[in-house]
Amino acid sequence: MPKAKLMTREVPGIKAILPFMVHFSHGGVVGEIYRVTSQQLENIDTLEGHPSEYHRSRGKIPREWQNPIIPWAYWWPWGTVGMELVKGGDWKKRGKV
C-alpha cells in the first residue's frame, strides 16, 4: 500500500508486538487483499476497534495491477512515538535478511 509505513510496538497488557499501518508522504506496505461481505467487514471493524482505535479508509493500489481496486485499510491514527519501522513494509519478512 503506497503512502504508508508499517510500524511496530509492544502492546502493554498482552505482551505482544503488533504491526500498525500509519500514513506517510512516501513508502509502502506489503499486504493481502480479501473480498468480504458487509457483515464480514462489520466483524473486522469490531476486531480492529474501528472507529475508536483504528480508523478505516480507502487505500490505493499501485498502477501495475491489471484490475485496479481501492480496498479498505485500517490505519493507526495516534502517532508513532515508541514505534519501530518495519523495513520494507513486510510484516512477514521482518528481521530476515
C-alpha atoms as a PDB file:
ATOM      1  CA  MET A   1       0.000   0.000   0.000  1.00  0.00           C
ATOM      2  CA  PRO A   2       1.765   3.201  -1.134  1.00  0.00           C
ATOM      3  CA  LYS A   3       1.992   6.348   1.006  1.00  0.00           C
ATOM      4  CA  ALA A   4       2.045   4.285   4.181  1.00  0.00           C
ATOM      5  CA  LYS A   5       4.610   2.800   6.527  1.00  0.00           C
ATOM      6  CA  LEU A   6       4.356  -0.255   8.705  1.00  0.00           C
ATOM      7  CA  MET A   7       5.419   0.367  12.285  1.00  0.00           C
ATOM      8  CA  THR A   8       5.547  -1.957  15.271  1.00  0.00           C
ATOM      9  CA  ARG A   9       5.453  -1.614  19.026  1.00  0.00           C
ATOM     10  CA  GLU A  10       4.952  -3.740  22.098  1.00  0.00           C
ATOM     11  CA  VAL A  11       1.382  -3.568  23.325  1.00  0.00           C
ATOM     12  CA  PRO A  12       1.077  -3.337  27.118  1.00  0.00           C
ATOM     13  CA  GLY A  13      -1.194  -5.886  28.710  1.00  0.00           C
ATOM     14  CA  ILE A  14      -0.942  -8.548  26.018  1.00  0.00           C
ATOM     15  CA  LYS A  15       2.851  -8.941  25.818  1.00  0.00           C
ATOM     16  CA  ALA A  16       2.878  -8.979  22.030  1.00  0.00           C
ATOM     17  CA  ILE A  17       4.486  -6.956  19.289  1.00  0.00           C
ATOM     18  CA  LEU A  18       1.893  -5.935  16.710  1.00  0.00           C
ATOM     19  CA  PRO A  19       2.085  -4.117  13.375  1.00  0.00           C
ATOM     20  CA  PHE A  20       0.439  -0.725  12.831  1.00  0.00           C
ATOM     21  CA  MET A  21      -0.078   0.904   9.433  1.00  0.00           C
ATOM     22  CA  VAL A  22       0.402   4.681   9.529  1.00  0.00           C
ATOM     23  CA  HIS A  23       0.072   7.434   6.891  1.00  0.00           C
ATOM     24  CA  PHE A  24       3.338   8.805   5.476  1.00  0.00           C
ATOM     25  CA  SER A  25       4.076  11.001   2.477  1.00  0.00           C
ATOM     26  CA  HIS A  26       6.058   8.154   0.902  1.00  0.00           C
ATOM     27  CA  GLY A  27       6.765   4.468   1.381  1.00  0.00           C
ATOM     28  CA  GLY A  28       4.710   1.325   1.036  1.00  0.00           C
ATOM     29  CA  VAL A  29       3.257  -1.652   2.854  1.00  0.00           C
ATOM     30  CA  VAL A  30       3.109  -5.242   1.625  1.00  0.00           C
ATOM     31  CA  GLY A  31      -0.171  -6.986   2.357  1.00  0.00           C
ATOM     32  CA  GLU A  32      -3.034  -9.127   1.179  1.00  0.00           C
ATOM     33  CA  ILE A  33      -6.438  -8.154  -0.197  1.00  0.00           C
ATOM     34  CA  TYR A  34      -9.604 -10.098   0.549  1.00  0.00           C
ATOM     35  CA  ARG A  35     -13.136  -9.798  -0.787  1.00  0.00           C
ATOM     36  CA  VAL A  36     -15.530  -9.673   2.187  1.00  0.00           C
ATOM     37  CA  THR A  37     -19.249  -9.227   2.690  1.00  0.00           C
ATOM     38  CA  SER A  38     -20.659  -6.229   4.517  1.00  0.00           C
ATOM     39  CA  GLN A  39     -21.269  -8.455   7.568  1.00  0.00           C
ATOM     40  CA  GLN A  40     -17.645  -9.648   7.499  1.00  0.00           C
ATOM     41  CA  LEU A  41     -16.477  -6.034   7.240  1.00  0.00           C
ATOM     42  CA  GLU A  42     -18.548  -5.172  10.327  1.00  0.00           C
ATOM     43  CA  ASN A  43     -16.915  -8.100  12.163  1.00  0.00           C
ATOM     44  CA  ILE A  44     -13.443  -6.913  11.137  1.00  0.00           C
ATOM     45  CA  ASP A  45     -14.341  -3.378  12.282  1.00  0.00           C
ATOM     46  CA  THR A  46     -15.136  -4.821  15.712  1.00  0.00           C
ATOM     47  CA  LEU A  47     -11.868  -6.786  15.794  1.00  0.00           C
ATOM     48  CA  GLU A  48      -9.833  -3.721  14.784  1.00  0.00           C
ATOM     49  CA  GLY A  49     -11.625  -1.389  17.194  1.00  0.00           C
ATOM     50  CA  HIS A  50     -12.930   0.839  14.385  1.00  0.00           C
ATOM     51  CA  PRO A  51     -13.522   3.746  14.778  1.00  0.00           C
ATOM     52  CA  SER A  52     -12.246   4.292  18.317  1.00  0.00           C
ATOM     53  CA  GLU A  53      -8.837   2.588  17.965  1.00  0.00           C
ATOM     54  CA  TYR A  54      -8.023   2.088  14.292  1.00  0.00           C
ATOM     55  CA  HIS A  55      -9.572   4.172  11.535  1.00  0.00           C
ATOM     56  CA  ARG A  56     -10.766   2.538   8.321  1.00  0.00           C
ATOM     57  CA  SER A  57     -10.418   4.334   4.988  1.00  0.00           C
ATOM     58  CA  ARG A  58      -9.762   3.516   1.356  1.00  0.00           C
ATOM     59  CA  GLY A  59      -6.181   2.789   0.304  1.00  0.00           C
ATOM     60  CA  LYS A  60      -4.679   2.957  -3.175  1.00  0.00           C
ATOM     61  CA  ILE A  61      -3.126   0.032  -5.021  1.00  0.00           C
ATOM     62  CA  PRO A  62      -0.116   0.577  -7.340  1.00  0.00           C
ATOM     63  CA  ARG A  63      -0.863   1.068 -11.032  1.00  0.00           C
ATOM     64  CA  GLU A  64       0.876  -2.129 -12.129  1.00  0.00           C
ATOM     65  CA  TRP A  65      -2.180  -4.130 -11.073  1.00  0.00           C
ATOM     66  CA  GLN A  66      -4.219  -5.364 -14.033  1.00  0.00           C
ATOM     67  CA  ASN A  67      -7.605  -4.631 -12.465  1.00  0.00           C
ATOM     68  CA  PRO A  68      -7.009  -1.741 -10.069  1.00  0.00           C
ATOM     69  CA  ILE A  69      -9.155  -1.607  -6.946  1.00  0.00           C
ATOM     70  CA  ILE A  70      -9.247   0.689  -3.945  1.00  0.00           C
ATOM     71  CA  PRO A  71      -9.572  -1.541  -0.860  1.00  0.00           C
ATOM     72  CA  TRP A  72     -10.373  -0.619   2.715  1.00  0.00           C
ATOM     73  CA  ALA A  73      -7.385  -0.397   5.058  1.00  0.00           C
ATOM     74  CA  TYR A  74      -7.071   0.106   8.820  1.00  0.00           C
ATOM     75  CA  TRP A  75      -4.809   2.948   9.929  1.00  0.00           C
ATOM     76  CA  TRP A  76      -3.268   3.750  13.310  1.00  0.00           C
ATOM     77  CA  PRO A  77      -4.050   7.472  13.780  1.00  0.00           C
ATOM     78  CA  TRP A  78      -2.353   8.052  17.146  1.00  0.00           C
ATOM     79  CA  GLY A  79       1.245   8.823  16.119  1.00  0.00           C
ATOM     80  CA  THR A  80       4.460   6.814  16.003  1.00  0.00           C
ATOM     81  CA  VAL A  81       6.164   7.615  19.323  1.00  0.00           C
ATOM     82  CA  GLY A  82       7.717   4.434  20.728  1.00  0.00           C
ATOM     83  CA  MET A  83       7.285   2.523  17.468  1.00  0.00           C
ATOM     84  CA  GLU A  84       9.867   0.973  15.180  1.00  0.00           C
ATOM     85  CA  LEU A  85       9.760   0.981  11.388  1.00  0.00           C
ATOM     86  CA  VAL A  86       9.273  -2.399   9.701  1.00  0.00           C
ATOM     87  CA  LYS A  87      11.860  -2.102   6.934  1.00  0.00           C
ATOM     88  CA  GLY A  88      10.446  -2.896   3.506  1.00  0.00           C
ATOM     89  CA  GLY A  89       6.894  -2.697   4.889  1.00  0.00           C
ATOM     90  CA  ASP A  90       6.511  -6.504   5.012  1.00  0.00           C
ATOM     91  CA  TRP A  91       5.495  -7.874   8.441  1.00  0.00           C
ATOM     92  CA  LYS A  92       6.118 -11.499   7.361  1.00  0.00           C
ATOM     93  CA  LYS A  93       9.735 -10.736   6.363  1.00  0.00           C
ATOM     94  CA  ARG A  94      10.649  -8.522   9.341  1.00  0.00           C
ATOM     95  CA  GLY A  95      14.064  -9.255  10.780  1.00  0.00           C
ATOM     96  CA  LYS A  96      15.043 -11.522   7.862  1.00  0.00           C
ATOM     97  CA  VAL A  97      17.990 -10.729   5.615  1.00  0.00           C
END
